[in-house]
Amino acid sequence: MGINRLFYQFPIGSDFVATVGGRFRQDNMLPLWPTAYSSDPVLAFFVHNGTNGTYSVNLGSGAGI
């Protein structure tokens, strides 16, 4: 057993959110789902619009606004 995700998000003003951490996914920083389709397994091909490398579930450390 181990830590799945470890990150901290905090607001910067009313329009921005900062994220920093030692272990989080790219989609933890992306505040939208990049498709018009639901996450239904039948439509899984369309969920990431064919950009699985862009909106992947890779874990890592980093920071972003």
Protein backbone atom coordinates (compact mmCIF):
# COMPACT_ATOMS: atom_id res chain seq x y z
CA MET A 1 0.00 0.00 0.00
CA GLY A 2 1.16 3.55 -0.67
CA ILE A 3 0.14 7.09 -1.40
CA ASN A 4 -1.84 7.43 -4.61
CA ARG A 5 -1.87 11.23 -4.86
CA LEU A 6 -0.36 14.02 -2.80
CA PHE A 7 -0.85 17.63 -3.90
CA TYR A 8 -2.15 20.97 -2.67
CA GLN A 9 -4.43 23.37 -4.54
CA PHE A 10 -5.11 26.95 -3.48
CA PRO A 11 -6.80 29.96 -5.08
CA ILE A 12 -4.85 32.94 -6.39
CA GLY A 13 -7.41 35.70 -6.59
CA SER A 14 -10.82 34.85 -7.99
CA ASP A 15 -9.73 33.52 -11.39
CA PHE A 16 -6.71 31.26 -10.82
CA VAL A 17 -5.89 28.10 -8.88
CA ALA A 18 -2.33 26.97 -8.17
CA THR A 19 -1.44 23.29 -7.82
CA VAL A 20 1.80 21.95 -6.36
CA GLY A 21 2.65 18.47 -5.26
CA GLY A 22 4.81 15.42 -5.24
CA ARG A 23 2.30 13.07 -6.84
CA PHE A 24 -0.70 14.06 -8.94
CA ARG A 25 -2.23 13.38 -12.34
CA GLN A 26 -2.43 15.78 -15.24
CA ASP A 27 -6.22 15.80 -15.06
CA ASN A 28 -6.07 17.03 -11.45
CA MET A 29 -4.96 20.38 -12.90
CA LEU A 30 -7.33 20.37 -15.90
CA PRO A 31 -10.64 21.82 -14.66
CA LEU A 32 -12.71 20.44 -17.53
CA TRP A 33 -13.40 17.17 -19.27
CA PRO A 34 -12.03 17.61 -22.83
CA THR A 35 -14.97 16.03 -24.66
CA ALA A 36 -18.65 16.44 -25.38
CA TYR A 37 -19.20 12.75 -24.57
CA SER A 38 -19.76 11.19 -21.16
CA SER A 39 -17.27 8.82 -19.55
CA ASP A 40 -19.53 5.85 -20.35
CA PRO A 41 -17.31 2.83 -21.22
CA VAL A 42 -19.23 2.37 -24.48
CA LEU A 43 -18.01 5.82 -25.58
CA ALA A 44 -14.51 5.39 -24.13
CA PHE A 45 -12.94 5.87 -27.58
CA PHE A 46 -14.27 9.45 -27.66
CA VAL A 47 -13.58 10.39 -24.04
CA HIS A 48 -10.18 12.00 -24.67
CA ASN A 49 -10.80 12.93 -28.32
CA GLY A 50 -7.98 10.59 -29.37
CA THR A 51 -5.42 12.45 -27.24
CA ASN A 52 -4.65 9.85 -24.61
CA GLY A 53 -1.06 11.09 -24.27
CA THR A 54 -2.21 14.65 -23.62
CA TYR A 55 -4.89 13.86 -21.06
CA SER A 56 -3.34 10.74 -19.63
CA VAL A 57 -3.41 9.38 -16.11
CA ASN A 58 0.36 9.59 -15.62
CA LEU A 59 1.37 10.32 -12.06
CA GLY A 60 4.24 12.65 -11.22
CA SER A 61 5.40 15.73 -9.39
CA GLY A 62 5.07 19.32 -10.53
CA ALA A 63 3.34 22.65 -10.24
CA GLY A 64 0.99 24.72 -12.32
CA ILE A 65 -1.45 27.62 -12.37
